[in-house]
Amino acid sequence: MSGNKLLIAAGATVIWVISGVLLFEVASLASAFELAVSGPILDLTSSLDAWLLAGVILGIVDVALLWDMATGW
């Protein structure tokens, strides 16, 4: 069971990294072409903040899963 949890956590981490790379690329392209990064439909600043918050939560869950596997709780 712990192996499945670890596989799900690893997959979520990979998705988080890929989405972060895409968000930063879109933000840098918008900046390079001097486009607005915030607007009524899409706000890249809020998207990056949400991505960082998701990373913090994902990191805590990953550490908790590894702690569970190491200690056998």
N, C-alpha and C. Protein backbone atom coordinates (compact mmCIF):
# COMPACT_ATOMS: atom_id res chain seq x y z
N MET A 1 0.82 -1.20 0.00
CA MET A 1 0.00 0.00 0.00
C MET A 1 0.86 1.26 0.00
N SER A 2 1.96 1.25 0.76
CA SER A 2 2.82 2.42 0.81
C SER A 2 3.48 2.68 -0.53
N GLY A 3 3.74 1.63 -1.28
CA GLY A 3 4.34 1.81 -2.60
C GLY A 3 3.41 2.56 -3.53
N ASN A 4 2.11 2.27 -3.45
CA ASN A 4 1.15 2.99 -4.29
C ASN A 4 1.07 4.45 -3.89
N LYS A 5 1.09 4.72 -2.59
CA LYS A 5 1.05 6.11 -2.13
C LYS A 5 2.28 6.87 -2.60
N LEU A 6 3.43 6.22 -2.54
CA LEU A 6 4.66 6.87 -2.97
C LEU A 6 4.64 7.12 -4.48
N LEU A 7 4.09 6.20 -5.25
CA LEU A 7 3.98 6.38 -6.69
C LEU A 7 3.04 7.54 -7.03
N ILE A 8 1.95 7.65 -6.31
CA ILE A 8 1.02 8.77 -6.53
C ILE A 8 1.68 10.09 -6.16
N ALA A 9 2.41 10.11 -5.05
CA ALA A 9 3.11 11.34 -4.63
C ALA A 9 4.18 11.73 -5.65
N ALA A 10 4.90 10.75 -6.18
CA ALA A 10 5.92 11.05 -7.18
C ALA A 10 5.28 11.58 -8.47
N GLY A 11 4.17 11.00 -8.87
CA GLY A 11 3.46 11.48 -10.06
C GLY A 11 2.95 12.89 -9.88
N ALA A 12 2.42 13.18 -8.68
CA ALA A 12 1.93 14.53 -8.40
C ALA A 12 3.07 15.54 -8.41
N THR A 13 4.23 15.14 -7.91
CA THR A 13 5.40 16.02 -7.91
C THR A 13 5.86 16.31 -9.34
N VAL A 14 5.86 15.30 -10.18
CA VAL A 14 6.26 15.49 -11.58
C VAL A 14 5.28 16.44 -12.28
N ILE A 15 3.99 16.25 -12.05
CA ILE A 15 2.98 17.14 -12.65
C ILE A 15 3.17 18.57 -12.14
N TRP A 16 3.49 18.71 -10.84
CA TRP A 16 3.72 20.03 -10.26
C TRP A 16 4.91 20.73 -10.92
N VAL A 17 5.98 19.99 -11.14
CA VAL A 17 7.18 20.56 -11.77
C VAL A 17 6.89 20.96 -13.21
N ILE A 18 6.22 20.10 -13.96
CA ILE A 18 5.91 20.41 -15.36
C ILE A 18 5.01 21.63 -15.45
N SER A 19 3.99 21.70 -14.60
CA SER A 19 3.09 22.86 -14.64
C SER A 19 3.84 24.13 -14.24
N GLY A 20 4.78 24.03 -13.32
CA GLY A 20 5.57 25.19 -12.94
C GLY A 20 6.45 25.69 -14.06
N VAL A 21 7.06 24.76 -14.78
CA VAL A 21 7.89 25.15 -15.93
C VAL A 21 7.03 25.85 -16.97
N LEU A 22 5.85 25.31 -17.23
CA LEU A 22 4.95 25.94 -18.21
C LEU A 22 4.50 27.33 -17.74
N LEU A 23 4.17 27.46 -16.47
CA LEU A 23 3.75 28.77 -15.96
C LEU A 23 4.86 29.80 -16.07
N PHE A 24 6.09 29.40 -15.71
CA PHE A 24 7.20 30.34 -15.78
C PHE A 24 7.55 30.69 -17.22
N GLU A 25 7.40 29.73 -18.15
CA GLU A 25 7.65 30.02 -19.56
C GLU A 25 6.62 31.00 -20.10
N VAL A 26 5.36 30.80 -19.75
CA VAL A 26 4.32 31.71 -20.21
C VAL A 26 4.55 33.10 -19.63
N ALA A 27 4.92 33.16 -18.35
CA ALA A 27 5.17 34.47 -17.72
C ALA A 27 6.37 35.16 -18.35
N SER A 28 7.42 34.41 -18.66
CA SER A 28 8.60 35.04 -19.26
C SER A 28 8.33 35.47 -20.70
N LEU A 29 7.54 34.68 -21.43
CA LEU A 29 7.17 35.09 -22.78
C LEU A 29 6.30 36.34 -22.75
N ALA A 30 5.37 36.40 -21.82
CA ALA A 30 4.52 37.58 -21.70
C ALA A 30 5.36 38.81 -21.36
N SER A 31 6.34 38.61 -20.51
CA SER A 31 7.22 39.71 -20.14
C SER A 31 8.11 40.13 -21.32
N ALA A 32 8.57 39.16 -22.09
CA ALA A 32 9.44 39.47 -23.23
C ALA A 32 8.69 40.28 -24.30
N PHE A 33 7.43 39.97 -24.48
CA PHE A 33 6.64 40.68 -25.47
C PHE A 33 5.88 41.86 -24.87
N GLU A 34 6.21 42.19 -23.62
CA GLU A 34 5.61 43.30 -22.89
C GLU A 34 4.09 43.22 -22.84
N LEU A 35 3.60 42.01 -22.61
CA LEU A 35 2.17 41.79 -22.46
C LEU A 35 1.80 41.89 -20.98
N ALA A 36 0.57 42.17 -20.71
CA ALA A 36 0.11 42.23 -19.32
C ALA A 36 0.07 40.82 -18.74
N VAL A 37 0.57 40.68 -17.53
CA VAL A 37 0.53 39.37 -16.88
C VAL A 37 -0.66 39.24 -15.94
N SER A 38 -1.49 40.26 -15.86
CA SER A 38 -2.71 40.15 -15.06
C SER A 38 -3.84 40.79 -15.83
N GLY A 39 -4.97 40.18 -15.73
CA GLY A 39 -6.14 40.69 -16.43
C GLY A 39 -7.40 40.09 -15.86
N PRO A 40 -8.53 40.42 -16.44
CA PRO A 40 -9.79 39.92 -15.89
C PRO A 40 -10.01 38.43 -16.12
N ILE A 41 -9.39 37.87 -17.16
CA ILE A 41 -9.61 36.46 -17.48
C ILE A 41 -8.52 35.58 -16.87
N LEU A 42 -7.28 35.95 -17.05
CA LEU A 42 -6.15 35.16 -16.57
C LEU A 42 -5.18 36.06 -15.82
N ASP A 43 -4.86 35.67 -14.62
CA ASP A 43 -3.91 36.42 -13.82
C ASP A 43 -2.73 35.50 -13.51
N LEU A 44 -1.61 35.71 -14.22
CA LEU A 44 -0.46 34.83 -14.04
C LEU A 44 0.15 34.95 -12.65
N THR A 45 0.07 36.11 -12.05
CA THR A 45 0.62 36.28 -10.71
C THR A 45 -0.11 35.40 -9.71
N SER A 46 -1.42 35.38 -9.77
CA SER A 46 -2.20 34.53 -8.89
C SER A 46 -1.95 33.05 -9.19
N SER A 47 -1.78 32.73 -10.47
CA SER A 47 -1.49 31.35 -10.85
C SER A 47 -0.16 30.89 -10.27
N LEU A 48 0.84 31.75 -10.30
CA LEU A 48 2.14 31.38 -9.73
C LEU A 48 2.06 31.24 -8.22
N ASP A 49 1.28 32.10 -7.57
CA ASP A 49 1.09 31.98 -6.12
C ASP A 49 0.39 30.67 -5.77
N ALA A 50 -0.62 30.32 -6.53
CA ALA A 50 -1.33 29.06 -6.29
C ALA A 50 -0.41 27.87 -6.53
N TRP A 51 0.46 27.98 -7.54
CA TRP A 51 1.41 26.91 -7.83
C TRP A 51 2.39 26.74 -6.67
N LEU A 52 2.86 27.85 -6.11
CA LEU A 52 3.78 27.76 -4.97
C LEU A 52 3.09 27.15 -3.75
N LEU A 53 1.84 27.55 -3.49
CA LEU A 53 1.10 26.98 -2.37
C LEU A 53 0.89 25.48 -2.57
N ALA A 54 0.56 25.08 -3.79
CA ALA A 54 0.40 23.65 -4.07
C ALA A 54 1.71 22.91 -3.85
N GLY A 55 2.83 23.53 -4.19
CA GLY A 55 4.14 22.91 -3.97
C GLY A 55 4.45 22.73 -2.50
N VAL A 56 4.08 23.69 -1.68
CA VAL A 56 4.30 23.57 -0.24
C VAL A 56 3.47 22.42 0.32
N ILE A 57 2.20 22.37 -0.08
CA ILE A 57 1.32 21.29 0.40
C ILE A 57 1.83 19.94 -0.08
N LEU A 58 2.22 19.87 -1.33
CA LEU A 58 2.73 18.62 -1.89
C LEU A 58 4.02 18.19 -1.20
N GLY A 59 4.88 19.14 -0.89
CA GLY A 59 6.12 18.82 -0.17
C GLY A 59 5.85 18.26 1.21
N ILE A 60 4.89 18.85 1.92
CA ILE A 60 4.54 18.35 3.25
C ILE A 60 3.97 16.93 3.16
N VAL A 61 3.12 16.69 2.18
CA VAL A 61 2.56 15.34 2.00
C VAL A 61 3.66 14.35 1.64
N ASP A 62 4.59 14.73 0.77
CA ASP A 62 5.70 13.84 0.41
C ASP A 62 6.55 13.48 1.62
N VAL A 63 6.86 14.47 2.44
CA VAL A 63 7.66 14.20 3.64
C VAL A 63 6.89 13.30 4.60
N ALA A 64 5.58 13.54 4.74
CA ALA A 64 4.77 12.70 5.62
C ALA A 64 4.72 11.25 5.12
N LEU A 65 4.62 11.07 3.81
CA LEU A 65 4.61 9.71 3.27
C LEU A 65 5.95 9.02 3.47
N LEU A 66 7.04 9.74 3.24
CA LEU A 66 8.36 9.14 3.47
C LEU A 66 8.58 8.82 4.94
N TRP A 67 8.10 9.70 5.83
CA TRP A 67 8.21 9.45 7.26
C TRP A 67 7.40 8.20 7.63
N ASP A 68 6.22 8.05 7.03
CA ASP A 68 5.37 6.88 7.27
C ASP A 68 6.08 5.62 6.81
N MET A 69 6.73 5.67 5.66
CA MET A 69 7.44 4.49 5.16
C MET A 69 8.66 4.17 6.02
N ALA A 70 9.35 5.20 6.51
CA ALA A 70 10.59 4.98 7.28
C ALA A 70 10.27 4.45 8.68
N THR A 71 9.21 4.97 9.30
CA THR A 71 8.92 4.59 10.68
C THR A 71 7.88 3.49 10.78
N GLY A 72 7.10 3.26 9.72
CA GLY A 72 6.11 2.21 9.74
C GLY A 72 4.85 2.54 10.52
N TRP A 73 4.50 3.80 10.58
CA TRP A 73 3.28 4.16 11.32
C TRP A 73 2.05 3.64 10.67
